[in-house]
Amino acid sequence: MKQLLKSLSVPFIFFAIGINLSSCSSDSGKQRESVVPFKVLHKANVFVISKTGLEFFKSYITSNIEKSNYTPPYYEMAYNLYIPDKPYVNALITFTVDSNGNVIKDRDIIGIPNCKNKPAQYNWQIDKETAINIAKENGLAKGIKEWQVKFIWNPERQFYVWYILSTIREFTGDFGYRGTGKEMIIDPANGEVLAMNDWNIR
């Protein structure tokens, strides 16, 4: 852990300097700087790295100061996950820490890929077009309009999936929106169809 903290010190010092410089230019910058103290940010970073590994973190994850918030006594941390050569991997990581940067385990921890311990699960090879083809080959109903296709975090499985939603019927009236259809969940690492379910809004 000491080695990990040492390896993080230089990049995060520059990060902190960058925040301080931006805070001199506007009041909004000062407000953003005050949201998350450096020591809290640093400890939160270490938590993310414990799941992703240092190299993955440095390459694809950045702190999102704009979406991080302070709701006493907790800090709601936000990070961007983005892989340039896989642009469909563009997600928001969120979790909550206390004033010392300790993670609040009984609150949602969303979007942190555990690729340090399960690297094969996060070797995302299935892009959007391939996911759509898999859905077609496995009988997802065409429906009445274009499918909704999203690369999202699945809280139940605790990893990212392709989520494809097909709308079979929909109508709107005085009672509001009503609709039915099918949804398919696909593993973006190997293309396995994990589930196909009915959905309805009544």
Protein backbone atom coordinates (compact mmCIF):
# COMPACT_ATOMS: atom_id res chain seq x y z
CA MET A 1 0.00 0.00 0.00
CA LYS A 2 2.88 2.39 0.78
CA GLN A 3 4.29 1.79 -2.69
CA LEU A 4 0.88 2.46 -4.21
CA LEU A 5 0.51 5.73 -2.30
CA LYS A 6 4.01 6.78 -3.33
CA SER A 7 3.29 6.07 -7.02
CA LEU A 8 0.16 8.19 -6.81
CA SER A 9 1.73 11.20 -5.11
CA VAL A 10 3.21 12.98 -8.15
CA PRO A 11 0.22 12.81 -10.53
CA PHE A 12 -2.20 13.78 -7.81
CA ILE A 13 -0.06 16.70 -6.64
CA PHE A 14 -0.25 18.05 -10.18
CA PHE A 15 -3.99 17.36 -10.15
CA ALA A 16 -4.38 19.34 -6.94
CA ILE A 17 -2.29 22.19 -8.36
CA GLY A 18 -4.53 22.22 -11.42
CA ILE A 19 -7.59 22.59 -9.23
CA ASN A 20 -5.97 25.39 -7.25
CA LEU A 21 -5.02 27.28 -10.40
CA SER A 22 -8.52 26.98 -11.82
CA SER A 23 -9.96 28.20 -8.54
CA CYS A 24 -8.10 31.48 -8.90
CA SER A 25 -9.95 32.27 -12.10
CA SER A 26 -13.54 32.12 -10.88
CA ASP A 27 -15.79 31.77 -7.86
CA SER A 28 -17.22 28.56 -9.29
CA GLY A 29 -13.70 27.14 -9.32
CA LYS A 30 -13.36 27.92 -5.59
CA GLN A 31 -16.65 26.17 -4.91
CA ARG A 32 -15.54 23.08 -6.85
CA GLU A 33 -12.24 22.97 -4.99
CA SER A 34 -14.01 23.11 -1.62
CA VAL A 35 -16.32 20.19 -2.50
CA VAL A 36 -13.71 17.43 -2.09
CA PRO A 37 -10.53 17.98 -0.02
CA PHE A 38 -7.40 16.52 -1.55
CA LYS A 39 -6.91 13.96 1.24
CA VAL A 40 -10.45 12.66 0.69
CA LEU A 41 -9.97 12.52 -3.08
CA HIS A 42 -6.66 10.72 -2.68
CA LYS A 43 -8.14 8.02 -0.44
CA ALA A 44 -11.13 7.61 -2.77
CA ASN A 45 -8.69 7.16 -5.67
CA VAL A 46 -6.88 4.42 -3.75
CA PHE A 47 -10.20 2.62 -3.27
CA VAL A 48 -10.97 2.69 -7.00
CA ILE A 49 -7.45 1.51 -7.82
CA SER A 50 -7.85 -1.42 -5.41
CA LYS A 51 -10.57 -2.66 -7.80
CA THR A 52 -9.26 -1.60 -11.21
CA GLY A 53 -5.50 -1.73 -10.79
CA LEU A 54 -3.25 1.31 -11.16
CA GLU A 55 -2.62 1.06 -14.90
CA PHE A 56 -6.32 0.83 -15.80
CA PHE A 57 -7.09 3.75 -13.46
CA LYS A 58 -4.38 5.98 -14.93
CA SER A 59 -5.42 5.13 -18.49
CA TYR A 60 -9.20 5.30 -18.38
CA ILE A 61 -10.56 6.88 -15.18
CA THR A 62 -10.68 10.55 -14.22
CA SER A 63 -12.22 12.31 -11.24
CA ASN A 64 -15.40 14.24 -12.09
CA ILE A 65 -15.29 17.27 -9.81
CA GLU A 66 -18.43 18.76 -11.34
CA LYS A 67 -20.57 15.78 -10.33
CA SER A 68 -18.98 15.16 -6.94
CA ASN A 69 -20.97 16.60 -4.04
CA TYR A 70 -20.72 17.22 -0.33
CA THR A 71 -23.80 16.36 1.70
CA PRO A 72 -22.66 16.53 5.32
CA PRO A 73 -21.19 14.37 6.65
CA TYR A 74 -20.57 12.51 3.38
CA TYR A 75 -18.83 13.13 0.06
CA GLU A 76 -20.54 11.71 -3.01
CA MET A 77 -17.65 10.86 -5.32
CA ALA A 78 -17.95 10.74 -9.11
CA TYR A 79 -15.48 9.54 -11.77
CA ASN A 80 -15.60 9.20 -15.54
CA LEU A 81 -14.77 5.84 -17.10
CA TYR A 82 -13.89 6.23 -20.77
CA ILE A 83 -11.84 4.05 -23.14
CA PRO A 84 -10.93 5.98 -26.33
CA ASP A 85 -10.55 2.93 -28.57
CA LYS A 86 -13.85 1.54 -27.22
CA PRO A 87 -16.02 4.68 -27.16
CA TYR A 88 -19.08 2.70 -26.08
CA VAL A 89 -17.32 2.38 -22.72
CA ASN A 90 -18.33 5.80 -21.42
CA ALA A 91 -19.81 5.58 -17.93
CA LEU A 92 -20.02 7.32 -14.55
CA ILE A 93 -18.59 5.76 -11.40
CA THR A 94 -20.20 6.86 -8.12
CA PHE A 95 -19.83 5.98 -4.44
CA THR A 96 -19.91 7.67 -1.04
CA VAL A 97 -17.13 8.33 1.47
CA ASP A 98 -16.97 9.93 4.90
CA SER A 99 -14.92 12.97 5.91
CA ASN A 100 -11.80 10.79 6.15
CA GLY A 101 -12.28 9.26 2.72
CA ASN A 102 -13.50 5.90 4.02
CA VAL A 103 -16.03 4.23 1.72
CA ILE A 104 -19.58 3.88 3.05
CA LYS A 105 -20.21 0.24 2.18
CA ASP A 106 -23.97 0.28 2.85
CA ARG A 107 -24.50 2.89 0.11
CA ASP A 108 -24.46 2.08 -3.60
CA ILE A 109 -21.04 1.60 -5.21
CA ILE A 110 -21.73 1.95 -8.91
CA GLY A 111 -19.60 1.38 -11.97
CA ILE A 112 -16.16 0.34 -10.67
CA PRO A 113 -14.91 -2.53 -12.86
CA ASN A 114 -13.21 -5.21 -10.77
CA CYS A 115 -10.69 -5.89 -13.53
CA LYS A 116 -7.81 -6.36 -11.07
CA ASN A 117 -9.36 -9.59 -9.74
CA LYS A 118 -11.48 -10.61 -12.77
CA PRO A 119 -9.61 -9.35 -15.86
CA ALA A 120 -11.43 -11.62 -18.34
CA GLN A 121 -14.78 -10.17 -17.29
CA TYR A 122 -13.62 -6.70 -18.30
CA ASN A 123 -11.96 -7.57 -21.60
CA TRP A 124 -14.82 -5.90 -23.47
CA GLN A 125 -14.76 -7.14 -27.06
CA ILE A 126 -18.44 -6.82 -27.98
CA ASP A 127 -19.20 -3.41 -29.50
CA LYS A 128 -22.66 -1.96 -30.11
CA GLU A 129 -23.08 -3.36 -33.61
CA THR A 130 -22.04 -6.85 -32.49
CA ALA A 131 -24.41 -6.69 -29.52
CA ILE A 132 -27.30 -5.78 -31.86
CA ASN A 133 -26.44 -8.72 -34.12
CA ILE A 134 -26.37 -11.07 -31.14
CA ALA A 135 -29.81 -9.83 -30.09
CA LYS A 136 -31.17 -10.45 -33.59
CA GLU A 137 -29.68 -13.94 -33.75
CA ASN A 138 -31.22 -14.78 -30.38
CA GLY A 139 -34.74 -13.72 -31.29
CA LEU A 140 -35.24 -10.35 -29.64
CA ALA A 141 -38.51 -8.97 -31.04
CA LYS A 142 -38.07 -6.24 -33.66
CA GLY A 143 -40.85 -4.22 -32.07
CA ILE A 144 -42.49 -1.04 -33.31
CA LYS A 145 -39.48 1.30 -33.11
CA GLU A 146 -35.72 1.34 -32.96
CA TRP A 147 -34.20 -0.62 -30.09
CA GLN A 148 -32.70 1.19 -27.11
CA VAL A 149 -29.12 -0.07 -26.80
CA LYS A 150 -26.98 0.89 -23.79
CA PHE A 151 -23.67 -0.15 -22.29
CA ILE A 152 -24.47 0.18 -18.58
CA TRP A 153 -23.59 -1.01 -15.10
CA ASN A 154 -25.76 -3.87 -13.87
CA PRO A 155 -26.11 -3.59 -10.07
CA GLU A 156 -27.42 -7.15 -9.69
CA ARG A 157 -24.43 -8.72 -11.47
CA GLN A 158 -21.91 -6.06 -10.42
CA PHE A 159 -20.43 -5.64 -13.89
CA TYR A 160 -21.13 -3.83 -17.17
CA VAL A 161 -23.56 -5.28 -19.71
CA TRP A 162 -25.17 -4.49 -23.01
CA TYR A 163 -28.83 -3.73 -22.32
CA ILE A 164 -31.14 -3.84 -25.35
CA LEU A 165 -34.81 -2.91 -25.05
CA SER A 166 -37.45 -3.72 -27.66
CA THR A 167 -40.85 -1.96 -27.58
CA ILE A 168 -43.76 -4.10 -28.76
CA ARG A 169 -46.68 -1.86 -27.77
CA GLU A 170 -46.96 1.67 -26.44
CA PHE A 171 -49.59 4.36 -26.13
CA THR A 172 -50.16 7.56 -24.18
CA GLY A 173 -53.42 8.96 -22.81
CA ASP A 174 -54.88 10.76 -19.83
CA PHE A 175 -53.42 7.99 -17.66
CA GLY A 176 -49.91 8.65 -18.96
CA TYR A 177 -47.50 6.34 -20.79
CA ARG A 178 -48.17 2.62 -21.18
CA GLY A 179 -45.89 0.15 -22.91
CA THR A 180 -44.75 -3.46 -23.14
CA GLY A 181 -41.82 -5.23 -24.73
CA LYS A 182 -38.74 -7.38 -24.29
CA GLU A 183 -35.27 -6.68 -22.92
CA MET A 184 -32.06 -8.59 -23.47
CA ILE A 185 -28.87 -8.46 -21.38
CA ILE A 186 -25.61 -9.43 -23.11
CA ASP A 187 -22.13 -9.95 -21.65
CA PRO A 188 -19.82 -7.44 -23.42
CA ALA A 189 -16.77 -9.62 -22.81
CA ASN A 190 -17.90 -12.81 -24.56
CA GLY A 191 -21.30 -12.07 -26.14
CA GLU A 192 -23.24 -14.47 -23.92
CA VAL A 193 -26.97 -13.72 -23.57
CA LEU A 194 -27.39 -13.43 -19.82
CA ALA A 195 -31.15 -12.82 -19.76
CA MET A 196 -34.19 -12.01 -21.85
CA ASN A 197 -37.18 -10.63 -19.95
CA ASP A 198 -40.55 -9.02 -20.49
CA TRP A 199 -40.99 -5.41 -19.45
CA ASN A 200 -44.14 -3.40 -19.02
CA ILE A 201 -45.25 0.01 -17.81
CA ARG A 202 -48.91 0.13 -16.82
